[in-house]
Amino acid sequence: MTKHSRHERERRTAESERMVEVQRAWEASIPAPVAAEFAREVAVAQTRVYEKQPDMAPGTLPRPPRPGREPKPTKEETRGNRGR
């Protein structure tokens, strides 16, 4: 976790408070029907579920590793039968 100085925390708090003031002033400046429609659209957007797109198209094979970067083969049991 990142530690921030007292000054930094106070600055961020002041910025947040200022943004709330600006947002309230903006909402008060637009007509009520427009504000209601905007609030409804925001609520719909916030409830929307976004699915992460896959990294690759379905059915495509991954690129092979670069030469010299191949994974190590799995170790197999090579110990002989000692003393039996």
PDB file of N, CA and C in Angstrom:
ATOM      1  N   MET A   1       0.838  -1.169   0.000  1.00  0.00           N
ATOM      2  CA  MET A   1       0.000   0.000   0.000  1.00  0.00           C
ATOM      3  C   MET A   1       0.884   1.233   0.000  1.00  0.00           C
ATOM      4  N   THR A   2       0.481   2.208  -0.749  1.00  0.00           N
ATOM      5  CA  THR A   2       1.276   3.423  -0.866  1.00  0.00           C
ATOM      6  C   THR A   2       0.926   4.385   0.255  1.00  0.00           C
ATOM      7  N   LYS A   3       1.940   4.958   0.848  1.00  0.00           N
ATOM      8  CA  LYS A   3       1.718   5.969   1.872  1.00  0.00           C
ATOM      9  C   LYS A   3       1.804   7.340   1.220  1.00  0.00           C
ATOM     10  N   HIS A   4       0.906   8.225   1.617  1.00  0.00           N
ATOM     11  CA  HIS A   4       0.914   9.582   1.108  1.00  0.00           C
ATOM     12  C   HIS A   4       1.111  10.535   2.278  1.00  0.00           C
ATOM     13  N   SER A   5       1.736  11.646   2.009  1.00  0.00           N
ATOM     14  CA  SER A   5       1.975  12.635   3.048  1.00  0.00           C
ATOM     15  C   SER A   5       0.652  13.290   3.451  1.00  0.00           C
ATOM     16  N   ARG A   6       0.653  13.930   4.575  1.00  0.00           N
ATOM     17  CA  ARG A   6      -0.539  14.614   5.075  1.00  0.00           C
ATOM     18  C   ARG A   6      -0.974  15.678   4.073  1.00  0.00           C
ATOM     19  N   HIS A   7       0.004  16.396   3.532  1.00  0.00           N
ATOM     20  CA  HIS A   7      -0.298  17.425   2.536  1.00  0.00           C
ATOM     21  C   HIS A   7      -1.002  16.821   1.322  1.00  0.00           C
ATOM     22  N   GLU A   8      -0.514  15.695   0.853  1.00  0.00           N
ATOM     23  CA  GLU A   8      -1.112  15.034  -0.313  1.00  0.00           C
ATOM     24  C   GLU A   8      -2.539  14.597  -0.006  1.00  0.00           C
ATOM     25  N   ARG A   9      -2.764  14.008   1.157  1.00  0.00           N
ATOM     26  CA  ARG A   9      -4.119  13.581   1.532  1.00  0.00           C
ATOM     27  C   ARG A   9      -5.065  14.772   1.619  1.00  0.00           C
ATOM     28  N   GLU A  10      -4.593  15.881   2.214  1.00  0.00           N
ATOM     29  CA  GLU A  10      -5.426  17.078   2.319  1.00  0.00           C
ATOM     30  C   GLU A  10      -5.743  17.651   0.937  1.00  0.00           C
ATOM     31  N   ARG A  11      -4.765  17.639   0.031  1.00  0.00           N
ATOM     32  CA  ARG A  11      -4.975  18.143  -1.317  1.00  0.00           C
ATOM     33  C   ARG A  11      -6.020  17.300  -2.046  1.00  0.00           C
ATOM     34  N   ARG A  12      -5.924  15.975  -1.917  1.00  0.00           N
ATOM     35  CA  ARG A  12      -6.885  15.090  -2.571  1.00  0.00           C
ATOM     36  C   ARG A  12      -8.290  15.283  -2.004  1.00  0.00           C
ATOM     37  N   THR A  13      -8.394  15.470  -0.703  1.00  0.00           N
ATOM     38  CA  THR A  13      -9.696  15.710  -0.080  1.00  0.00           C
ATOM     39  C   THR A  13     -10.291  17.018  -0.587  1.00  0.00           C
ATOM     40  N   ALA A  14      -9.468  18.061  -0.669  1.00  0.00           N
ATOM     41  CA  ALA A  14      -9.939  19.354  -1.168  1.00  0.00           C
ATOM     42  C   ALA A  14     -10.387  19.237  -2.634  1.00  0.00           C
ATOM     43  N   GLU A  15      -9.644  18.480  -3.433  1.00  0.00           N
ATOM     44  CA  GLU A  15     -10.025  18.278  -4.829  1.00  0.00           C
ATOM     45  C   GLU A  15     -11.378  17.574  -4.923  1.00  0.00           C
ATOM     46  N   SER A  16     -11.571  16.558  -4.099  1.00  0.00           N
ATOM     47  CA  SER A  16     -12.834  15.817  -4.112  1.00  0.00           C
ATOM     48  C   SER A  16     -13.995  16.720  -3.731  1.00  0.00           C
ATOM     49  N   GLU A  17     -13.798  17.520  -2.696  1.00  0.00           N
ATOM     50  CA  GLU A  17     -14.856  18.441  -2.265  1.00  0.00           C
ATOM     51  C   GLU A  17     -15.162  19.445  -3.368  1.00  0.00           C
ATOM     52  N   ARG A  18     -14.142  19.954  -4.029  1.00  0.00           N
ATOM     53  CA  ARG A  18     -14.337  20.927  -5.106  1.00  0.00           C
ATOM     54  C   ARG A  18     -15.090  20.294  -6.275  1.00  0.00           C
ATOM     55  N   MET A  19     -14.779  19.037  -6.596  1.00  0.00           N
ATOM     56  CA  MET A  19     -15.472  18.361  -7.688  1.00  0.00           C
ATOM     57  C   MET A  19     -16.953  18.163  -7.357  1.00  0.00           C
ATOM     58  N   VAL A  20     -17.275  17.882  -6.103  1.00  0.00           N
ATOM     59  CA  VAL A  20     -18.678  17.753  -5.690  1.00  0.00           C
ATOM     60  C   VAL A  20     -19.391  19.092  -5.866  1.00  0.00           C
ATOM     61  N   GLU A  21     -18.722  20.173  -5.478  1.00  0.00           N
ATOM     62  CA  GLU A  21     -19.311  21.508  -5.650  1.00  0.00           C
ATOM     63  C   GLU A  21     -19.572  21.817  -7.121  1.00  0.00           C
ATOM     64  N   VAL A  22     -18.606  21.524  -7.981  1.00  0.00           N
ATOM     65  CA  VAL A  22     -18.748  21.783  -9.411  1.00  0.00           C
ATOM     66  C   VAL A  22     -19.891  20.955  -9.988  1.00  0.00           C
ATOM     67  N   GLN A  23     -19.967  19.685  -9.581  1.00  0.00           N
ATOM     68  CA  GLN A  23     -21.024  18.816 -10.089  1.00  0.00           C
ATOM     69  C   GLN A  23     -22.399  19.326  -9.659  1.00  0.00           C
ATOM     70  N   ARG A  24     -22.537  19.734  -8.408  1.00  0.00           N
ATOM     71  CA  ARG A  24     -23.821  20.265  -7.930  1.00  0.00           C
ATOM     72  C   ARG A  24     -24.197  21.540  -8.683  1.00  0.00           C
ATOM     73  N   ALA A  25     -23.233  22.415  -8.933  1.00  0.00           N
ATOM     74  CA  ALA A  25     -23.511  23.643  -9.664  1.00  0.00           C
ATOM     75  C   ALA A  25     -23.933  23.336 -11.097  1.00  0.00           C
ATOM     76  N   TRP A  26     -23.289  22.358 -11.719  1.00  0.00           N
ATOM     77  CA  TRP A  26     -23.643  21.979 -13.082  1.00  0.00           C
ATOM     78  C   TRP A  26     -25.052  21.402 -13.128  1.00  0.00           C
ATOM     79  N   GLU A  27     -25.362  20.502 -12.170  1.00  0.00           N
ATOM     80  CA  GLU A  27     -26.696  19.904 -12.132  1.00  0.00           C
ATOM     81  C   GLU A  27     -27.767  20.967 -11.903  1.00  0.00           C
ATOM     82  N   ALA A  28     -27.467  22.000 -11.113  1.00  0.00           N
ATOM     83  CA  ALA A  28     -28.434  23.064 -10.856  1.00  0.00           C
ATOM     84  C   ALA A  28     -28.616  23.957 -12.079  1.00  0.00           C
ATOM     85  N   SER A  29     -27.633  24.008 -12.967  1.00  0.00           N
ATOM     86  CA  SER A  29     -27.710  24.912 -14.114  1.00  0.00           C
ATOM     87  C   SER A  29     -28.499  24.343 -15.285  1.00  0.00           C
ATOM     88  N   ILE A  30     -28.727  23.028 -15.307  1.00  0.00           N
ATOM     89  CA  ILE A  30     -29.460  22.449 -16.434  1.00  0.00           C
ATOM     90  C   ILE A  30     -30.931  22.300 -16.064  1.00  0.00           C
ATOM     91  N   PRO A  31     -31.835  22.284 -17.049  1.00  0.00           N
ATOM     92  CA  PRO A  31     -33.265  22.146 -16.765  1.00  0.00           C
ATOM     93  C   PRO A  31     -33.588  20.805 -16.103  1.00  0.00           C
ATOM     94  N   ALA A  32     -34.636  20.781 -15.299  1.00  0.00           N
ATOM     95  CA  ALA A  32     -35.002  19.580 -14.531  1.00  0.00           C
ATOM     96  C   ALA A  32     -35.271  18.360 -15.416  1.00  0.00           C
ATOM     97  N   PRO A  33     -36.017  18.475 -16.522  1.00  0.00           N
ATOM     98  CA  PRO A  33     -36.245  17.276 -17.345  1.00  0.00           C
ATOM     99  C   PRO A  33     -34.949  16.713 -17.930  1.00  0.00           C
ATOM    100  N   VAL A  34     -34.050  17.583 -18.312  1.00  0.00           N
ATOM    101  CA  VAL A  34     -32.770  17.125 -18.861  1.00  0.00           C
ATOM    102  C   VAL A  34     -31.953  16.434 -17.770  1.00  0.00           C
ATOM    103  N   ALA A  35     -31.965  17.000 -16.576  1.00  0.00           N
ATOM    104  CA  ALA A  35     -31.229  16.402 -15.462  1.00  0.00           C
ATOM    105  C   ALA A  35     -31.802  15.034 -15.103  1.00  0.00           C
ATOM    106  N   ALA A  36     -33.128  14.900 -15.128  1.00  0.00           N
ATOM    107  CA  ALA A  36     -33.758  13.614 -14.812  1.00  0.00           C
ATOM    108  C   ALA A  36     -33.390  12.564 -15.865  1.00  0.00           C
ATOM    109  N   GLU A  37     -33.413  12.950 -17.129  1.00  0.00           N
ATOM    110  CA  GLU A  37     -33.041  12.024 -18.202  1.00  0.00           C
ATOM    111  C   GLU A  37     -31.578  11.606 -18.080  1.00  0.00           C
ATOM    112  N   PHE A  38     -30.716  12.557 -17.776  1.00  0.00           N
ATOM    113  CA  PHE A  38     -29.295  12.254 -17.604  1.00  0.00           C
ATOM    114  C   PHE A  38     -29.088  11.301 -16.427  1.00  0.00           C
ATOM    115  N   ALA A  39     -29.775  11.553 -15.312  1.00  0.00           N
ATOM    116  CA  ALA A  39     -29.643  10.688 -14.134  1.00  0.00           C
ATOM    117  C   ALA A  39     -30.122   9.275 -14.451  1.00  0.00           C
ATOM    118  N   ARG A  40     -31.200   9.170 -15.243  1.00  0.00           N
ATOM    119  CA  ARG A  40     -31.707   7.843 -15.619  1.00  0.00           C
ATOM    120  C   ARG A  40     -30.679   7.115 -16.487  1.00  0.00           C
ATOM    121  N   GLU A  41     -30.086   7.808 -17.446  1.00  0.00           N
ATOM    122  CA  GLU A  41     -29.089   7.179 -18.313  1.00  0.00           C
ATOM    123  C   GLU A  41     -27.849   6.756 -17.536  1.00  0.00           C
ATOM    124  N   VAL A  42     -27.454   7.563 -16.560  1.00  0.00           N
ATOM    125  CA  VAL A  42     -26.304   7.207 -15.726  1.00  0.00           C
ATOM    126  C   VAL A  42     -26.616   5.947 -14.918  1.00  0.00           C
ATOM    127  N   ALA A  43     -27.823   5.862 -14.351  1.00  0.00           N
ATOM    128  CA  ALA A  43     -28.205   4.684 -13.568  1.00  0.00           C
ATOM    129  C   ALA A  43     -28.214   3.428 -14.432  1.00  0.00           C
ATOM    130  N   VAL A  44     -28.715   3.544 -15.664  1.00  0.00           N
ATOM    131  CA  VAL A  44     -28.727   2.400 -16.575  1.00  0.00           C
ATOM    132  C   VAL A  44     -27.296   1.975 -16.904  1.00  0.00           C
ATOM    133  N   ALA A  45     -26.425   2.938 -17.162  1.00  0.00           N
ATOM    134  CA  ALA A  45     -25.034   2.617 -17.505  1.00  0.00           C
ATOM    135  C   ALA A  45     -24.302   1.965 -16.340  1.00  0.00           C
ATOM    136  N   GLN A  46     -24.604   2.387 -15.120  1.00  0.00           N
ATOM    137  CA  GLN A  46     -23.920   1.814 -13.960  1.00  0.00           C
ATOM    138  C   GLN A  46     -24.378   0.394 -13.670  1.00  0.00           C
ATOM    139  N   THR A  47     -25.593   0.035 -14.062  1.00  0.00           N
ATOM    140  CA  THR A  47     -26.071  -1.323 -13.821  1.00  0.00           C
ATOM    141  C   THR A  47     -25.669  -2.276 -14.933  1.00  0.00           C
ATOM    142  N   ARG A  48     -25.173  -1.743 -16.056  1.00  0.00           N
ATOM    143  CA  ARG A  48     -24.773  -2.575 -17.179  1.00  0.00           C
ATOM    144  C   ARG A  48     -23.573  -3.423 -16.790  1.00  0.00           C
ATOM    145  N   VAL A  49     -23.584  -4.672 -17.226  1.00  0.00           N
ATOM    146  CA  VAL A  49     -22.486  -5.594 -16.933  1.00  0.00           C
ATOM    147  C   VAL A  49     -21.591  -5.669 -18.165  1.00  0.00           C
ATOM    148  N   TYR A  50     -20.318  -5.421 -17.969  1.00  0.00           N
ATOM    149  CA  TYR A  50     -19.356  -5.491 -19.063  1.00  0.00           C
ATOM    150  C   TYR A  50     -18.571  -6.785 -18.949  1.00  0.00           C
ATOM    151  N   GLU A  51     -18.471  -7.486 -20.075  1.00  0.00           N
ATOM    152  CA  GLU A  51     -17.702  -8.720 -20.103  1.00  0.00           C
ATOM    153  C   GLU A  51     -16.366  -8.439 -20.781  1.00  0.00           C
ATOM    154  N   LYS A  52     -15.318  -8.959 -20.187  1.00  0.00           N
ATOM    155  CA  LYS A  52     -13.990  -8.758 -20.758  1.00  0.00           C
ATOM    156  C   LYS A  52     -13.869  -9.572 -22.038  1.00  0.00           C
ATOM    157  N   GLN A  53     -13.389  -8.922 -23.081  1.00  0.00           N
ATOM    158  CA  GLN A  53     -13.210  -9.600 -24.349  1.00  0.00           C
ATOM    159  C   GLN A  53     -12.018 -10.553 -24.252  1.00  0.00           C
ATOM    160  N   PRO A  54     -12.094 -11.709 -24.927  1.00  0.00           N
ATOM    161  CA  PRO A  54     -10.948 -12.625 -24.891  1.00  0.00           C
ATOM    162  C   PRO A  54      -9.731 -12.000 -25.555  1.00  0.00           C
ATOM    163  N   ASP A  55      -8.557 -12.447 -25.141  1.00  0.00           N
ATOM    164  CA  ASP A  55      -7.320 -11.907 -25.684  1.00  0.00           C
ATOM    165  C   ASP A  55      -7.123 -12.274 -27.148  1.00  0.00           C
ATOM    166  N   MET A  56      -7.611 -13.438 -27.529  1.00  0.00           N
ATOM    167  CA  MET A  56      -7.409 -13.903 -28.899  1.00  0.00           C
ATOM    168  C   MET A  56      -8.745 -14.359 -29.472  1.00  0.00           C
ATOM    169  N   ALA A  57      -8.848 -14.364 -30.772  1.00  0.00           N
ATOM    170  CA  ALA A  57     -10.058 -14.846 -31.429  1.00  0.00           C
ATOM    171  C   ALA A  57     -10.217 -16.341 -31.154  1.00  0.00           C
ATOM    172  N   PRO A  58     -11.451 -16.840 -31.083  1.00  0.00           N
ATOM    173  CA  PRO A  58     -11.637 -18.267 -30.817  1.00  0.00           C
ATOM    174  C   PRO A  58     -11.010 -19.117 -31.919  1.00  0.00           C
ATOM    175  N   GLY A  59     -10.365 -20.181 -31.525  1.00  0.00           N
ATOM    176  CA  GLY A  59      -9.784 -21.115 -32.475  1.00  0.00           C
ATOM    177  C   GLY A  59      -8.376 -20.773 -32.924  1.00  0.00           C
ATOM    178  N   THR A  60      -7.824 -19.624 -32.522  1.00  0.00           N
ATOM    179  CA  THR A  60      -6.462 -19.296 -32.934  1.00  0.00           C
ATOM    180  C   THR A  60      -5.468 -19.947 -31.978  1.00  0.00           C
ATOM    181  N   LEU A  61      -4.386 -20.409 -32.535  1.00  0.00           N
ATOM    182  CA  LEU A  61      -3.367 -21.048 -31.718  1.00  0.00           C
ATOM    183  C   LEU A  61      -2.434 -20.001 -31.143  1.00  0.00           C
ATOM    184  N   PRO A  62      -1.945 -20.203 -29.930  1.00  0.00           N
ATOM    185  CA  PRO A  62      -0.991 -19.244 -29.384  1.00  0.00           C
ATOM    186  C   PRO A  62       0.328 -19.299 -30.148  1.00  0.00           C
ATOM    187  N   ARG A  63       1.020 -18.194 -30.133  1.00  0.00           N
ATOM    188  CA  ARG A  63       2.305 -18.153 -30.818  1.00  0.00           C
ATOM    189  C   ARG A  63       3.300 -19.030 -30.068  1.00  0.00           C
ATOM    190  N   PRO A  64       4.143 -19.757 -30.807  1.00  0.00           N
ATOM    191  CA  PRO A  64       5.130 -20.597 -30.122  1.00  0.00           C
ATOM    192  C   PRO A  64       6.183 -19.733 -29.435  1.00  0.00           C
ATOM    193  N   PRO A  65       6.852 -20.279 -28.427  1.00  0.00           N
ATOM    194  CA  PRO A  65       7.879 -19.488 -27.749  1.00  0.00           C
ATOM    195  C   PRO A  65       9.056 -19.197 -28.672  1.00  0.00           C
ATOM    196  N   ARG A  66       9.768 -18.127 -28.379  1.00  0.00           N
ATOM    197  CA  ARG A  66      10.947 -17.787 -29.175  1.00  0.00           C
ATOM    198  C   ARG A  66      12.011 -18.872 -28.988  1.00  0.00           C
ATOM    199  N   PRO A  67      12.882 -19.019 -29.968  1.00  0.00           N
ATOM    200  CA  PRO A  67      13.941 -20.024 -29.824  1.00  0.00           C
ATOM    201  C   PRO A  67      14.777 -19.753 -28.578  1.00  0.00           C
ATOM    202  N   GLY A  68      15.039 -20.799 -27.835  1.00  0.00           N
ATOM    203  CA  GLY A  68      15.813 -20.677 -26.614  1.00  0.00           C
ATOM    204  C   GLY A  68      14.951 -20.381 -25.396  1.00  0.00           C
ATOM    205  N   ARG A  69      13.648 -20.161 -25.589  1.00  0.00           N
ATOM    206  CA  ARG A  69      12.742 -19.854 -24.484  1.00  0.00           C
ATOM    207  C   ARG A  69      11.715 -20.962 -24.263  1.00  0.00           C
ATOM    208  N   GLU A  70      11.977 -22.136 -24.823  1.00  0.00           N
ATOM    209  CA  GLU A  70      11.037 -23.237 -24.680  1.00  0.00           C
ATOM    210  C   GLU A  70      10.968 -23.664 -23.210  1.00  0.00           C
ATOM    211  N   PRO A  71       9.803 -24.118 -22.766  1.00  0.00           N
ATOM    212  CA  PRO A  71       9.709 -24.579 -21.378  1.00  0.00           C
ATOM    213  C   PRO A  71      10.528 -25.845 -21.166  1.00  0.00           C
ATOM    214  N   LYS A  72      10.998 -26.024 -19.949  1.00  0.00           N
ATOM    215  CA  LYS A  72      11.790 -27.209 -19.633  1.00  0.00           C
ATOM    216  C   LYS A  72      10.894 -28.442 -19.684  1.00  0.00           C
ATOM    217  N   PRO A  73      11.445 -29.558 -20.174  1.00  0.00           N
ATOM    218  CA  PRO A  73      10.636 -30.782 -20.179  1.00  0.00           C
ATOM    219  C   PRO A  73      10.395 -31.259 -18.750  1.00  0.00           C
ATOM    220  N   THR A  74       9.307 -31.961 -18.561  1.00  0.00           N
ATOM    221  CA  THR A  74       8.998 -32.455 -17.220  1.00  0.00           C
ATOM    222  C   THR A  74       9.995 -33.534 -16.833  1.00  0.00           C
ATOM    223  N   LYS A  75      10.326 -33.561 -15.537  1.00  0.00           N
ATOM    224  CA  LYS A  75      11.262 -34.573 -15.055  1.00  0.00           C
ATOM    225  C   LYS A  75      10.541 -35.910 -14.966  1.00  0.00           C
ATOM    226  N   GLU A  76      11.203 -36.915 -15.455  1.00  0.00           N
ATOM    227  CA  GLU A  76      10.632 -38.252 -15.366  1.00  0.00           C
ATOM    228  C   GLU A  76      11.421 -39.029 -14.326  1.00  0.00           C
ATOM    229  N   GLU A  77      10.783 -39.995 -13.784  1.00  0.00           N
ATOM    230  CA  GLU A  77      11.436 -40.832 -12.758  1.00  0.00           C
ATOM    231  C   GLU A  77      12.494 -41.672 -13.463  1.00  0.00           C
ATOM    232  N   THR A  78      13.798 -41.354 -13.212  1.00  0.00           N
ATOM    233  CA  THR A  78      14.885 -42.072 -13.890  1.00  0.00           C
ATOM    234  C   THR A  78      15.708 -42.900 -12.910  1.00  0.00           C
ATOM    235  N   ARG A  79      15.331 -42.895 -11.651  1.00  0.00           N
ATOM    236  CA  ARG A  79      16.127 -43.658 -10.681  1.00  0.00           C
ATOM    237  C   ARG A  79      15.929 -45.145 -10.916  1.00  0.00           C
ATOM    238  N   GLY A  80      17.025 -45.814 -10.877  1.00  0.00           N
ATOM    239  CA  GLY A  80      16.983 -47.259 -11.099  1.00  0.00           C
ATOM    240  C   GLY A  80      16.523 -47.996  -9.849  1.00  0.00           C
ATOM    241  N   ASN A  81      16.422 -49.264  -9.972  1.00  0.00           N
ATOM    242  CA  ASN A  81      16.006 -50.109  -8.873  1.00  0.00           C
ATOM    243  C   ASN A  81      17.230 -50.504  -8.089  1.00  0.00           C
ATOM    244  N   ARG A  82      17.533 -49.772  -7.002  1.00  0.00           N
ATOM    245  CA  ARG A  82      18.760 -50.015  -6.231  1.00  0.00           C
ATOM    246  C   ARG A  82      18.546 -51.130  -5.227  1.00  0.00           C
ATOM    247  N   GLY A  83      19.414 -52.060  -5.279  1.00  0.00           N
ATOM    248  CA  GLY A  83      19.455 -53.089  -4.258  1.00  0.00           C
ATOM    249  C   GLY A  83      18.331 -54.086  -4.307  1.00  0.00           C
ATOM    250  N   ARG A  84      17.544 -54.083  -5.267  1.00  0.00           N
ATOM    251  CA  ARG A  84      16.484 -55.096  -5.320  1.00  0.00           C
ATOM    252  C   ARG A  84      16.776 -56.131  -6.342  1.00  0.00           C
TER     253      ARG A  84
END
